[in-house]
């Protein structure tokens, strides 16, 4: 099957017609699987089960079909960046310069499967020859604490760009790209739905860093005076957007909420414990309300508009498995 070109970068999930003006090339999942070449399958079924998120059906076949080719593509970019770094080192006459981490950004809506994709890629990339050190950090820890969100009356916009400490994110990524040792990242608890005060993880000069979050490709207003305004994505060497039709993401979000209601939400310490105490009908209404009033608005206003900025877009079908791939042209 020949590869096709996306209609536009902004609506590839809805219109799949060839167009010479598109910056992307489009592939079916079957065609994409051929690019695996001889990349070995290094994950086991039990490992995939451990890595996937709740209600995500990713299995070994999906890893073999989609993720091995992605891993091979990313490996090529990492190796190319090393060659470019060596050339620039000679150009600048700085023989003692050290290559800084290759940073991969992963974006997309809530409930679309970003976390599963990030964890699987982390494992695959870390098993290349030479065993590169791969770290994974999510943007959740960079949310403002609930206390701050309440004080600023934006608790109902948690996950929107204004709910993140962007300055802290930029400082973190700048330190990573500067090759600083033991760069500190805050920790978030999904149980209590808040940043954990005083708790951190340290990222110590990995070869590759995966930075995952719904708004990592977000841009900011440009200044009229031409001063530098860094975007989070300015620190990325490669970016991936996980996509699906809106109605599917809505269903996955509600299904996950209803599953959590019977599992994690039953913990009395859970921020959402109260939702486990209501009837199924009431819980369903709550889930749909949260989707419509918060997550859908965030998707339309902030997340979806960043999709055309990705280097690689992965569109999922109704079975939650990837069915189409869009790769930015070089």
C-alpha atoms as a PDB file:
ATOM      1  CA  UNK A   1       0.000   0.000   0.000  1.00  0.00           C
ATOM      2  CA  UNK A   2       1.363   3.409  -0.941  1.00  0.00           C
ATOM      3  CA  UNK A   3       1.527   6.071   1.704  1.00  0.00           C
ATOM      4  CA  UNK A   4      -0.866   8.991   1.438  1.00  0.00           C
ATOM      5  CA  UNK A   5      -0.512  12.623   2.308  1.00  0.00           C
ATOM      6  CA  UNK A   6      -2.651  14.358   4.865  1.00  0.00           C
ATOM      7  CA  UNK A   7      -5.268  16.826   3.676  1.00  0.00           C
ATOM      8  CA  UNK A   8      -4.066  19.429   6.195  1.00  0.00           C
ATOM      9  CA  UNK A   9      -2.116  19.308   9.398  1.00  0.00           C
ATOM     10  CA  UNK A  10      -5.147  20.468  11.348  1.00  0.00           C
ATOM     11  CA  UNK A  11      -7.761  17.919  10.246  1.00  0.00           C
ATOM     12  CA  UNK A  12      -5.940  14.765   9.316  1.00  0.00           C
ATOM     13  CA  UNK A  13      -8.162  12.617  11.515  1.00  0.00           C
ATOM     14  CA  UNK A  14     -11.271  13.565   9.533  1.00  0.00           C
ATOM     15  CA  UNK A  15     -10.102  14.021   5.934  1.00  0.00           C
ATOM     16  CA  UNK A  16      -7.588  11.707   4.338  1.00  0.00           C
ATOM     17  CA  UNK A  17      -7.017  13.041   0.854  1.00  0.00           C
ATOM     18  CA  UNK A  18      -3.723  13.565  -0.901  1.00  0.00           C
ATOM     19  CA  UNK A  19      -2.607  17.164  -0.973  1.00  0.00           C
ATOM     20  CA  UNK A  20       0.776  18.395  -2.144  1.00  0.00           C
ATOM     21  CA  UNK A  21       0.655  21.306   0.320  1.00  0.00           C
ATOM     22  CA  UNK A  22       0.509  19.209   3.473  1.00  0.00           C
ATOM     23  CA  UNK A  23       3.630  19.109   5.657  1.00  0.00           C
ATOM     24  CA  UNK A  24       2.767  15.483   6.548  1.00  0.00           C
ATOM     25  CA  UNK A  25       2.846  12.076   4.959  1.00  0.00           C
ATOM     26  CA  UNK A  26       0.106   9.717   6.040  1.00  0.00           C
ATOM     27  CA  UNK A  27       0.340   5.963   6.584  1.00  0.00           C
ATOM     28  CA  UNK A  28      -2.113   3.249   7.514  1.00  0.00           C
ATOM     29  CA  UNK A  29      -1.182   1.141  10.535  1.00  0.00           C
ATOM     30  CA  UNK A  30      -0.421  -1.789   8.233  1.00  0.00           C
ATOM     31  CA  UNK A  31       1.946   0.257   6.108  1.00  0.00           C
ATOM     32  CA  UNK A  32       3.564   1.780   9.185  1.00  0.00           C
ATOM     33  CA  UNK A  33       4.224  -1.680  10.633  1.00  0.00           C
ATOM     34  CA  UNK A  34       6.496  -2.447   7.674  1.00  0.00           C
ATOM     35  CA  UNK A  35       8.970   0.190   8.853  1.00  0.00           C
ATOM     36  CA  UNK A  36       9.823  -1.969  11.847  1.00  0.00           C
ATOM     37  CA  UNK A  37      12.360  -3.726   9.602  1.00  0.00           C
ATOM     38  CA  UNK A  38      14.411  -6.051  11.816  1.00  0.00           C
ATOM     39  CA  UNK A  39      13.878  -4.130  15.071  1.00  0.00           C
ATOM     40  CA  UNK A  40      13.561  -6.887  17.724  1.00  0.00           C
ATOM     41  CA  UNK A  41      10.600  -7.148  20.051  1.00  0.00           C
ATOM     42  CA  UNK A  42      12.201  -6.764  23.474  1.00  0.00           C
ATOM     43  CA  UNK A  43       9.082  -6.430  25.632  1.00  0.00           C
ATOM     44  CA  UNK A  44       7.160  -9.342  27.116  1.00  0.00           C
ATOM     45  CA  UNK A  45       3.408  -9.623  27.506  1.00  0.00           C
ATOM     46  CA  UNK A  46       3.634  -9.171  31.276  1.00  0.00           C
ATOM     47  CA  UNK A  47       5.714  -6.014  30.815  1.00  0.00           C
ATOM     48  CA  UNK A  48       3.175  -4.523  28.399  1.00  0.00           C
ATOM     49  CA  UNK A  49       0.377  -5.334  30.854  1.00  0.00           C
ATOM     50  CA  UNK A  50       2.305  -3.452  33.526  1.00  0.00           C
ATOM     51  CA  UNK A  51       2.972  -0.435  31.305  1.00  0.00           C
ATOM     52  CA  UNK A  52      -0.499   0.164  29.910  1.00  0.00           C
ATOM     53  CA  UNK A  53      -3.034   2.385  31.613  1.00  0.00           C
ATOM     54  CA  UNK A  54      -6.508   1.440  32.837  1.00  0.00           C
ATOM     55  CA  UNK A  55      -8.853   0.415  29.991  1.00  0.00           C
ATOM     56  CA  UNK A  56      -6.045   0.665  27.423  1.00  0.00           C
ATOM     57  CA  UNK A  57      -5.973  -2.539  25.313  1.00  0.00           C
ATOM     58  CA  UNK A  58      -2.405  -2.156  24.023  1.00  0.00           C
ATOM     59  CA  UNK A  59      -0.793  -5.590  23.722  1.00  0.00           C
ATOM     60  CA  UNK A  60       2.273  -7.200  22.174  1.00  0.00           C
ATOM     61  CA  UNK A  61       0.684  -7.149  18.708  1.00  0.00           C
ATOM     62  CA  UNK A  62       0.191  -3.382  18.976  1.00  0.00           C
ATOM     63  CA  UNK A  63       3.777  -2.924  20.140  1.00  0.00           C
ATOM     64  CA  UNK A  64       4.989  -4.994  17.217  1.00  0.00           C
ATOM     65  CA  UNK A  65       2.647  -3.254  14.755  1.00  0.00           C
ATOM     66  CA  UNK A  66       3.191   0.371  15.773  1.00  0.00           C
ATOM     67  CA  UNK A  67       5.691   1.044  18.524  1.00  0.00           C
ATOM     68  CA  UNK A  68       8.698  -0.814  17.146  1.00  0.00           C
ATOM     69  CA  UNK A  69       8.602   1.389  14.043  1.00  0.00           C
ATOM     70  CA  UNK A  70       8.294   4.504  16.207  1.00  0.00           C
ATOM     71  CA  UNK A  71      11.224   3.312  18.281  1.00  0.00           C
ATOM     72  CA  UNK A  72      13.294   2.780  15.149  1.00  0.00           C
ATOM     73  CA  UNK A  73      12.375   6.246  13.847  1.00  0.00           C
ATOM     74  CA  UNK A  74      13.293   7.911  17.137  1.00  0.00           C
ATOM     75  CA  UNK A  75      16.561   5.994  17.263  1.00  0.00           C
ATOM     76  CA  UNK A  76      17.429   7.409  13.832  1.00  0.00           C
ATOM     77  CA  UNK A  77      16.740  10.948  15.069  1.00  0.00           C
ATOM     78  CA  UNK A  78      18.799  10.448  18.220  1.00  0.00           C
ATOM     79  CA  UNK A  79      21.739   9.129  16.200  1.00  0.00           C
ATOM     80  CA  UNK A  80      21.423  11.997  13.717  1.00  0.00           C
ATOM     81  CA  UNK A  81      21.464  14.510  16.573  1.00  0.00           C
ATOM     82  CA  UNK A  82      24.719  12.984  17.814  1.00  0.00           C
ATOM     83  CA  UNK A  83      26.317  13.412  14.402  1.00  0.00           C
ATOM     84  CA  UNK A  84      25.117  17.010  14.188  1.00  0.00           C
ATOM     85  CA  UNK A  85      26.422  17.666  17.695  1.00  0.00           C
ATOM     86  CA  UNK A  86      29.870  16.337  16.767  1.00  0.00           C
ATOM     87  CA  UNK A  87      29.928  18.544  13.667  1.00  0.00           C
ATOM     88  CA  UNK A  88      28.894  21.606  15.648  1.00  0.00           C
ATOM     89  CA  UNK A  89      31.508  20.832  18.296  1.00  0.00           C
ATOM     90  CA  UNK A  90      34.187  20.925  15.618  1.00  0.00           C
ATOM     91  CA  UNK A  91      32.693  24.074  14.105  1.00  0.00           C
ATOM     92  CA  UNK A  92      32.744  25.895  17.463  1.00  0.00           C
ATOM     93  CA  UNK A  93      36.120  24.410  18.458  1.00  0.00           C
ATOM     94  CA  UNK A  94      34.846  23.152  21.827  1.00  0.00           C
ATOM     95  CA  UNK A  95      36.303  19.614  22.008  1.00  0.00           C
ATOM     96  CA  UNK A  96      35.255  19.098  25.627  1.00  0.00           C
ATOM     97  CA  UNK A  97      31.521  19.816  25.025  1.00  0.00           C
ATOM     98  CA  UNK A  98      29.094  17.107  26.175  1.00  0.00           C
ATOM     99  CA  UNK A  99      25.948  16.086  24.291  1.00  0.00           C
ATOM    100  CA  UNK A 100      22.805  17.029  26.210  1.00  0.00           C
ATOM    101  CA  UNK A 101      19.675  14.866  26.440  1.00  0.00           C
ATOM    102  CA  UNK A 102      17.459  14.266  23.422  1.00  0.00           C
ATOM    103  CA  UNK A 103      14.014  15.451  24.551  1.00  0.00           C
ATOM    104  CA  UNK A 104      10.784  13.924  23.218  1.00  0.00           C
ATOM    105  CA  UNK A 105       7.479  15.674  23.933  1.00  0.00           C
ATOM    106  CA  UNK A 106       4.214  13.704  23.963  1.00  0.00           C
ATOM    107  CA  UNK A 107       0.911  15.606  23.848  1.00  0.00           C
ATOM    108  CA  UNK A 108      -2.799  14.854  23.448  1.00  0.00           C
ATOM    109  CA  UNK A 109      -6.139  14.898  25.228  1.00  0.00           C
ATOM    110  CA  UNK A 110      -6.940  13.326  28.563  1.00  0.00           C
ATOM    111  CA  UNK A 111      -7.895   9.632  28.293  1.00  0.00           C
ATOM    112  CA  UNK A 112      -6.322   9.240  24.850  1.00  0.00           C
ATOM    113  CA  UNK A 113      -3.426   7.050  26.004  1.00  0.00           C
ATOM    114  CA  UNK A 114      -0.424   9.386  26.320  1.00  0.00           C
ATOM    115  CA  UNK A 115       0.857   7.709  29.468  1.00  0.00           C
ATOM    116  CA  UNK A 116       0.822   4.241  27.911  1.00  0.00           C
ATOM    117  CA  UNK A 117       2.631   5.506  24.821  1.00  0.00           C
ATOM    118  CA  UNK A 118       5.239   7.298  26.936  1.00  0.00           C
ATOM    119  CA  UNK A 119       5.924   4.278  29.149  1.00  0.00           C
ATOM    120  CA  UNK A 120       6.188   1.824  26.253  1.00  0.00           C
ATOM    121  CA  UNK A 121       8.541   4.102  24.322  1.00  0.00           C
ATOM    122  CA  UNK A 122      10.649   4.594  27.439  1.00  0.00           C
ATOM    123  CA  UNK A 123      11.117   0.840  27.742  1.00  0.00           C
ATOM    124  CA  UNK A 124      11.800   0.283  24.041  1.00  0.00           C
ATOM    125  CA  UNK A 125      14.265   3.155  23.738  1.00  0.00           C
ATOM    126  CA  UNK A 126      16.167   1.996  26.800  1.00  0.00           C
ATOM    127  CA  UNK A 127      16.785  -1.394  25.187  1.00  0.00           C
ATOM    128  CA  UNK A 128      18.678  -0.197  22.154  1.00  0.00           C
ATOM    129  CA  UNK A 129      22.289  -1.240  21.808  1.00  0.00           C
ATOM    130  CA  UNK A 130      24.342   0.607  24.386  1.00  0.00           C
ATOM    131  CA  UNK A 131      21.388   0.671  26.799  1.00  0.00           C
ATOM    132  CA  UNK A 132      20.775   4.431  26.707  1.00  0.00           C
ATOM    133  CA  UNK A 133      19.452   5.977  29.887  1.00  0.00           C
ATOM    134  CA  UNK A 134      15.848   7.077  29.328  1.00  0.00           C
ATOM    135  CA  UNK A 135      13.825   9.079  31.852  1.00  0.00           C
ATOM    136  CA  UNK A 136      10.128   9.959  31.806  1.00  0.00           C
ATOM    137  CA  UNK A 137       8.618  13.048  33.431  1.00  0.00           C
ATOM    138  CA  UNK A 138       4.990  14.186  33.225  1.00  0.00           C
ATOM    139  CA  UNK A 139       3.715  17.732  33.508  1.00  0.00           C
ATOM    140  CA  UNK A 140       1.307  16.832  36.340  1.00  0.00           C
ATOM    141  CA  UNK A 141       3.901  17.713  38.960  1.00  0.00           C
ATOM    142  CA  UNK A 142       4.207  21.200  37.479  1.00  0.00           C
ATOM    143  CA  UNK A 143       0.561  22.022  38.152  1.00  0.00           C
ATOM    144  CA  UNK A 144       0.027  24.712  40.743  1.00  0.00           C
ATOM    145  CA  UNK A 145      -1.058  23.205  44.096  1.00  0.00           C
ATOM    146  CA  UNK A 146      -4.819  23.024  44.624  1.00  0.00           C
ATOM    147  CA  UNK A 147      -4.525  25.741  47.247  1.00  0.00           C
ATOM    148  CA  UNK A 148      -3.171  28.133  44.620  1.00  0.00           C
ATOM    149  CA  UNK A 149      -5.785  27.093  42.056  1.00  0.00           C
ATOM    150  CA  UNK A 150      -8.584  27.715  44.557  1.00  0.00           C
ATOM    151  CA  UNK A 151      -7.136  31.059  45.581  1.00  0.00           C
ATOM    152  CA  UNK A 152      -7.065  32.155  41.946  1.00  0.00           C
ATOM    153  CA  UNK A 153     -10.517  30.664  41.283  1.00  0.00           C
ATOM    154  CA  UNK A 154      -9.281  28.338  38.529  1.00  0.00           C
ATOM    155  CA  UNK A 155      -9.783  24.948  40.164  1.00  0.00           C
ATOM    156  CA  UNK A 156     -12.281  24.167  37.386  1.00  0.00           C
ATOM    157  CA  UNK A 157      -9.507  24.877  34.864  1.00  0.00           C
ATOM    158  CA  UNK A 158      -7.036  22.368  36.217  1.00  0.00           C
ATOM    159  CA  UNK A 159      -5.150  21.073  33.201  1.00  0.00           C
ATOM    160  CA  UNK A 160      -5.608  24.315  31.263  1.00  0.00           C
ATOM    161  CA  UNK A 161      -2.374  26.194  30.424  1.00  0.00           C
ATOM    162  CA  UNK A 162      -2.957  28.748  33.189  1.00  0.00           C
ATOM    163  CA  UNK A 163      -3.000  25.992  35.824  1.00  0.00           C
ATOM    164  CA  UNK A 164       0.671  25.126  35.243  1.00  0.00           C
ATOM    165  CA  UNK A 165       3.754  26.787  36.632  1.00  0.00           C
ATOM    166  CA  UNK A 166       5.180  27.406  33.170  1.00  0.00           C
ATOM    167  CA  UNK A 167       8.207  29.211  34.546  1.00  0.00           C
ATOM    168  CA  UNK A 168       9.134  26.133  36.547  1.00  0.00           C
ATOM    169  CA  UNK A 169       8.649  23.901  33.503  1.00  0.00           C
ATOM    170  CA  UNK A 170      10.903  26.127  31.408  1.00  0.00           C
ATOM    171  CA  UNK A 171      13.553  26.192  34.139  1.00  0.00           C
ATOM    172  CA  UNK A 172      13.427  22.393  34.394  1.00  0.00           C
ATOM    173  CA  UNK A 173      13.823  21.869  30.654  1.00  0.00           C
ATOM    174  CA  UNK A 174      16.485  24.566  30.346  1.00  0.00           C
ATOM    175  CA  UNK A 175      18.527  22.824  33.050  1.00  0.00           C
ATOM    176  CA  UNK A 176      18.046  19.480  31.297  1.00  0.00           C
ATOM    177  CA  UNK A 177      19.230  20.924  27.991  1.00  0.00           C
ATOM    178  CA  UNK A 178      22.168  22.607  29.730  1.00  0.00           C
ATOM    179  CA  UNK A 179      23.327  19.197  30.948  1.00  0.00           C
ATOM    180  CA  UNK A 180      22.867  20.008  34.624  1.00  0.00           C
ATOM    181  CA  UNK A 181      23.103  17.046  37.039  1.00  0.00           C
ATOM    182  CA  UNK A 182      20.182  15.990  39.265  1.00  0.00           C
ATOM    183  CA  UNK A 183      17.563  18.347  37.891  1.00  0.00           C
ATOM    184  CA  UNK A 184      14.607  18.480  40.265  1.00  0.00           C
ATOM    185  CA  UNK A 185      11.016  17.761  39.163  1.00  0.00           C
ATOM    186  CA  UNK A 186       7.974  17.979  41.472  1.00  0.00           C
ATOM    187  CA  UNK A 187       5.785  14.946  42.142  1.00  0.00           C
ATOM    188  CA  UNK A 188       2.012  14.729  41.692  1.00  0.00           C
ATOM    189  CA  UNK A 189      -0.362  12.295  43.402  1.00  0.00           C
ATOM    190  CA  UNK A 190      -3.424  11.174  41.460  1.00  0.00           C
ATOM    191  CA  UNK A 191      -4.778   9.737  44.690  1.00  0.00           C
ATOM    192  CA  UNK A 192      -5.032  13.096  46.457  1.00  0.00           C
ATOM    193  CA  UNK A 193      -5.265  15.007  43.146  1.00  0.00           C
ATOM    194  CA  UNK A 194      -2.526  17.432  44.125  1.00  0.00           C
ATOM    195  CA  UNK A 195       1.192  18.164  44.038  1.00  0.00           C
ATOM    196  CA  UNK A 196       2.953  16.530  47.004  1.00  0.00           C
ATOM    197  CA  UNK A 197       4.694  19.255  49.045  1.00  0.00           C
ATOM    198  CA  UNK A 198       8.439  18.746  49.384  1.00  0.00           C
ATOM    199  CA  UNK A 199       8.558  15.578  47.265  1.00  0.00           C
ATOM    200  CA  UNK A 200      10.674  15.479  44.118  1.00  0.00           C
ATOM    201  CA  UNK A 201      12.271  13.181  41.592  1.00  0.00           C
ATOM    202  CA  UNK A 202      15.689  13.900  40.127  1.00  0.00           C
ATOM    203  CA  UNK A 203      16.640  13.615  36.479  1.00  0.00           C
ATOM    204  CA  UNK A 204      20.366  13.069  36.206  1.00  0.00           C
ATOM    205  CA  UNK A 205      21.677  13.605  32.685  1.00  0.00           C
ATOM    206  CA  UNK A 206      19.739  10.951  30.768  1.00  0.00           C
ATOM    207  CA  UNK A 207      20.496  10.216  27.138  1.00  0.00           C
ATOM    208  CA  UNK A 208      16.810  10.663  26.347  1.00  0.00           C
ATOM    209  CA  UNK A 209      14.056  12.434  28.266  1.00  0.00           C
ATOM    210  CA  UNK A 210      10.373  11.870  27.488  1.00  0.00           C
ATOM    211  CA  UNK A 211       8.248  14.801  28.654  1.00  0.00           C
ATOM    212  CA  UNK A 212       4.535  13.975  28.596  1.00  0.00           C
ATOM    213  CA  UNK A 213       1.501  16.187  29.124  1.00  0.00           C
ATOM    214  CA  UNK A 214      -1.688  17.471  27.537  1.00  0.00           C
ATOM    215  CA  UNK A 215      -0.394  20.968  26.785  1.00  0.00           C
ATOM    216  CA  UNK A 216       3.332  20.489  26.125  1.00  0.00           C
ATOM    217  CA  UNK A 217       2.968  21.835  22.563  1.00  0.00           C
ATOM    218  CA  UNK A 218       1.142  24.963  23.744  1.00  0.00           C
ATOM    219  CA  UNK A 219       2.359  28.339  22.473  1.00  0.00           C
ATOM    220  CA  UNK A 220       2.157  31.735  24.171  1.00  0.00           C
ATOM    221  CA  UNK A 221       1.338  35.233  22.991  1.00  0.00           C
ATOM    222  CA  UNK A 222       4.255  36.810  21.182  1.00  0.00           C
ATOM    223  CA  UNK A 223       5.587  40.138  22.459  1.00  0.00           C
ATOM    224  CA  UNK A 224       5.346  43.171  20.216  1.00  0.00           C
ATOM    225  CA  UNK A 225       8.895  44.252  21.036  1.00  0.00           C
ATOM    226  CA  UNK A 226      10.472  41.098  19.638  1.00  0.00           C
ATOM    227  CA  UNK A 227      11.862  39.853  22.940  1.00  0.00           C
ATOM    228  CA  UNK A 228      12.413  36.135  23.330  1.00  0.00           C
ATOM    229  CA  UNK A 229       9.388  34.271  24.700  1.00  0.00           C
ATOM    230  CA  UNK A 230      10.359  30.602  25.064  1.00  0.00           C
ATOM    231  CA  UNK A 231       7.775  27.884  24.511  1.00  0.00           C
ATOM    232  CA  UNK A 232       8.017  24.546  26.316  1.00  0.00           C
ATOM    233  CA  UNK A 233       8.339  22.843  22.933  1.00  0.00           C
ATOM    234  CA  UNK A 234      11.427  24.949  22.132  1.00  0.00           C
ATOM    235  CA  UNK A 235      13.345  22.419  24.214  1.00  0.00           C
ATOM    236  CA  UNK A 236      12.018  19.398  22.309  1.00  0.00           C
ATOM    237  CA  UNK A 237      14.044  17.524  19.731  1.00  0.00           C
ATOM    238  CA  UNK A 238      10.974  15.566  18.636  1.00  0.00           C
ATOM    239  CA  UNK A 239       7.258  15.755  19.388  1.00  0.00           C
ATOM    240  CA  UNK A 240       4.382  13.271  19.221  1.00  0.00           C
ATOM    241  CA  UNK A 241       0.625  13.950  19.368  1.00  0.00           C
ATOM    242  CA  UNK A 242      -1.815  11.173  20.311  1.00  0.00           C
ATOM    243  CA  UNK A 243      -5.136  11.750  18.570  1.00  0.00           C
ATOM    244  CA  UNK A 244      -8.637  10.303  18.236  1.00  0.00           C
ATOM    245  CA  UNK A 245     -12.113  11.435  17.289  1.00  0.00           C
ATOM    246  CA  UNK A 246     -13.781  13.573  19.920  1.00  0.00           C
ATOM    247  CA  UNK A 247     -16.637  11.133  20.493  1.00  0.00           C
ATOM    248  CA  UNK A 248     -14.181   8.305  21.137  1.00  0.00           C
ATOM    249  CA  UNK A 249     -12.144  10.307  23.656  1.00  0.00           C
ATOM    250  CA  UNK A 250     -15.399  11.247  25.395  1.00  0.00           C
ATOM    251  CA  UNK A 251     -16.342   7.574  25.678  1.00  0.00           C
ATOM    252  CA  UNK A 252     -12.890   6.561  26.935  1.00  0.00           C
ATOM    253  CA  UNK A 253     -12.930   9.330  29.527  1.00  0.00           C
ATOM    254  CA  UNK A 254     -16.335   8.275  30.873  1.00  0.00           C
ATOM    255  CA  UNK A 255     -15.423   4.569  30.802  1.00  0.00           C
ATOM    256  CA  UNK A 256     -12.244   5.277  32.748  1.00  0.00           C
ATOM    257  CA  UNK A 257     -14.117   7.397  35.290  1.00  0.00           C
ATOM    258  CA  UNK A 258     -16.661   4.641  35.844  1.00  0.00           C
ATOM    259  CA  UNK A 259     -13.890   2.043  36.235  1.00  0.00           C
ATOM    260  CA  UNK A 260     -11.990   4.235  38.712  1.00  0.00           C
ATOM    261  CA  UNK A 261     -15.233   4.709  40.649  1.00  0.00           C
ATOM    262  CA  UNK A 262     -15.106   0.971  41.438  1.00  0.00           C
ATOM    263  CA  UNK A 263     -11.361   0.847  42.098  1.00  0.00           C
ATOM    264  CA  UNK A 264      -9.144   3.828  43.025  1.00  0.00           C
ATOM    265  CA  UNK A 265     -12.050   6.048  44.082  1.00  0.00           C
ATOM    266  CA  UNK A 266     -13.082   3.563  46.771  1.00  0.00           C
ATOM    267  CA  UNK A 267      -9.970   4.491  48.744  1.00  0.00           C
ATOM    268  CA  UNK A 268     -11.129   6.868  51.501  1.00  0.00           C
ATOM    269  CA  UNK A 269      -7.976   8.945  50.926  1.00  0.00           C
ATOM    270  CA  UNK A 270      -8.871   9.529  47.282  1.00  0.00           C
ATOM    271  CA  UNK A 271      -9.830  13.071  46.315  1.00  0.00           C
ATOM    272  CA  UNK A 272     -12.662  11.532  44.303  1.00  0.00           C
ATOM    273  CA  UNK A 273     -13.852   9.123  47.005  1.00  0.00           C
ATOM    274  CA  UNK A 274     -17.248  10.818  47.105  1.00  0.00           C
ATOM    275  CA  UNK A 275     -17.937   9.673  43.557  1.00  0.00           C
ATOM    276  CA  UNK A 276     -17.744   6.043  44.656  1.00  0.00           C
ATOM    277  CA  UNK A 277     -20.595   6.678  47.084  1.00  0.00           C
ATOM    278  CA  UNK A 278     -23.188   7.881  44.569  1.00  0.00           C
ATOM    279  CA  UNK A 279     -25.401   5.788  42.308  1.00  0.00           C
ATOM    280  CA  UNK A 280     -24.134   4.610  38.939  1.00  0.00           C
ATOM    281  CA  UNK A 281     -26.589   6.928  37.192  1.00  0.00           C
ATOM    282  CA  UNK A 282     -25.380   9.917  39.210  1.00  0.00           C
ATOM    283  CA  UNK A 283     -21.723   8.976  38.607  1.00  0.00           C
ATOM    284  CA  UNK A 284     -22.363   8.761  34.879  1.00  0.00           C
ATOM    285  CA  UNK A 285     -23.916  12.224  34.906  1.00  0.00           C
ATOM    286  CA  UNK A 286     -20.930  13.575  36.847  1.00  0.00           C
ATOM    287  CA  UNK A 287     -18.446  12.040  34.399  1.00  0.00           C
ATOM    288  CA  UNK A 288     -20.259  13.496  31.398  1.00  0.00           C
ATOM    289  CA  UNK A 289     -20.441  16.865  33.123  1.00  0.00           C
ATOM    290  CA  UNK A 290     -16.716  16.894  33.861  1.00  0.00           C
ATOM    291  CA  UNK A 291     -16.016  16.001  30.256  1.00  0.00           C
ATOM    292  CA  UNK A 292     -18.314  18.643  28.766  1.00  0.00           C
ATOM    293  CA  UNK A 293     -17.593  21.507  31.148  1.00  0.00           C
ATOM    294  CA  UNK A 294     -13.838  21.048  31.610  1.00  0.00           C
ATOM    295  CA  UNK A 295     -12.029  18.530  29.435  1.00  0.00           C
ATOM    296  CA  UNK A 296     -13.865  19.171  26.180  1.00  0.00           C
ATOM    297  CA  UNK A 297     -13.342  22.925  26.537  1.00  0.00           C
ATOM    298  CA  UNK A 298      -9.640  22.365  27.189  1.00  0.00           C
ATOM    299  CA  UNK A 299      -9.425  20.069  24.167  1.00  0.00           C
ATOM    300  CA  UNK A 300     -11.063  22.585  21.835  1.00  0.00           C
ATOM    301  CA  UNK A 301      -9.353  25.698  23.112  1.00  0.00           C
ATOM    302  CA  UNK A 302      -5.864  24.534  24.052  1.00  0.00           C
ATOM    303  CA  UNK A 303      -4.937  20.972  23.139  1.00  0.00           C
ATOM    304  CA  UNK A 304      -6.301  20.299  19.652  1.00  0.00           C
ATOM    305  CA  UNK A 305      -4.902  23.530  18.174  1.00  0.00           C
ATOM    306  CA  UNK A 306      -1.391  22.279  19.003  1.00  0.00           C
ATOM    307  CA  UNK A 307      -1.749  19.107  16.952  1.00  0.00           C
ATOM    308  CA  UNK A 308      -0.271  20.588  13.744  1.00  0.00           C
ATOM    309  CA  UNK A 309       2.936  21.396  15.633  1.00  0.00           C
ATOM    310  CA  UNK A 310       3.811  17.723  16.220  1.00  0.00           C
ATOM    311  CA  UNK A 311       6.446  15.847  14.243  1.00  0.00           C
ATOM    312  CA  UNK A 312       4.459  12.620  14.490  1.00  0.00           C
ATOM    313  CA  UNK A 313       0.705  12.213  15.008  1.00  0.00           C
ATOM    314  CA  UNK A 314      -0.846   8.891  15.962  1.00  0.00           C
ATOM    315  CA  UNK A 315      -4.581   8.534  15.450  1.00  0.00           C
ATOM    316  CA  UNK A 316      -6.480   5.886  17.392  1.00  0.00           C
ATOM    317  CA  UNK A 317      -9.625   4.109  16.248  1.00  0.00           C
ATOM    318  CA  UNK A 318     -12.633   2.917  18.188  1.00  0.00           C
ATOM    319  CA  UNK A 319     -10.731  -0.051  19.600  1.00  0.00           C
ATOM    320  CA  UNK A 320      -8.231   2.377  21.215  1.00  0.00           C
ATOM    321  CA  UNK A 321      -5.504   1.084  18.887  1.00  0.00           C
ATOM    322  CA  UNK A 322      -3.579   3.230  16.424  1.00  0.00           C
ATOM    323  CA  UNK A 323      -4.980   3.098  12.906  1.00  0.00           C
ATOM    324  CA  UNK A 324      -3.307   6.019  11.144  1.00  0.00           C
ATOM    325  CA  UNK A 325       0.066   7.715  11.378  1.00  0.00           C
ATOM    326  CA  UNK A 326       1.062  11.170  10.146  1.00  0.00           C
ATOM    327  CA  UNK A 327       4.779  11.871   9.817  1.00  0.00           C
ATOM    328  CA  UNK A 328       6.064  15.384   9.201  1.00  0.00           C
ATOM    329  CA  UNK A 329       8.084  15.692   6.023  1.00  0.00           C
ATOM    330  CA  UNK A 330      11.772  16.556   6.219  1.00  0.00           C
END
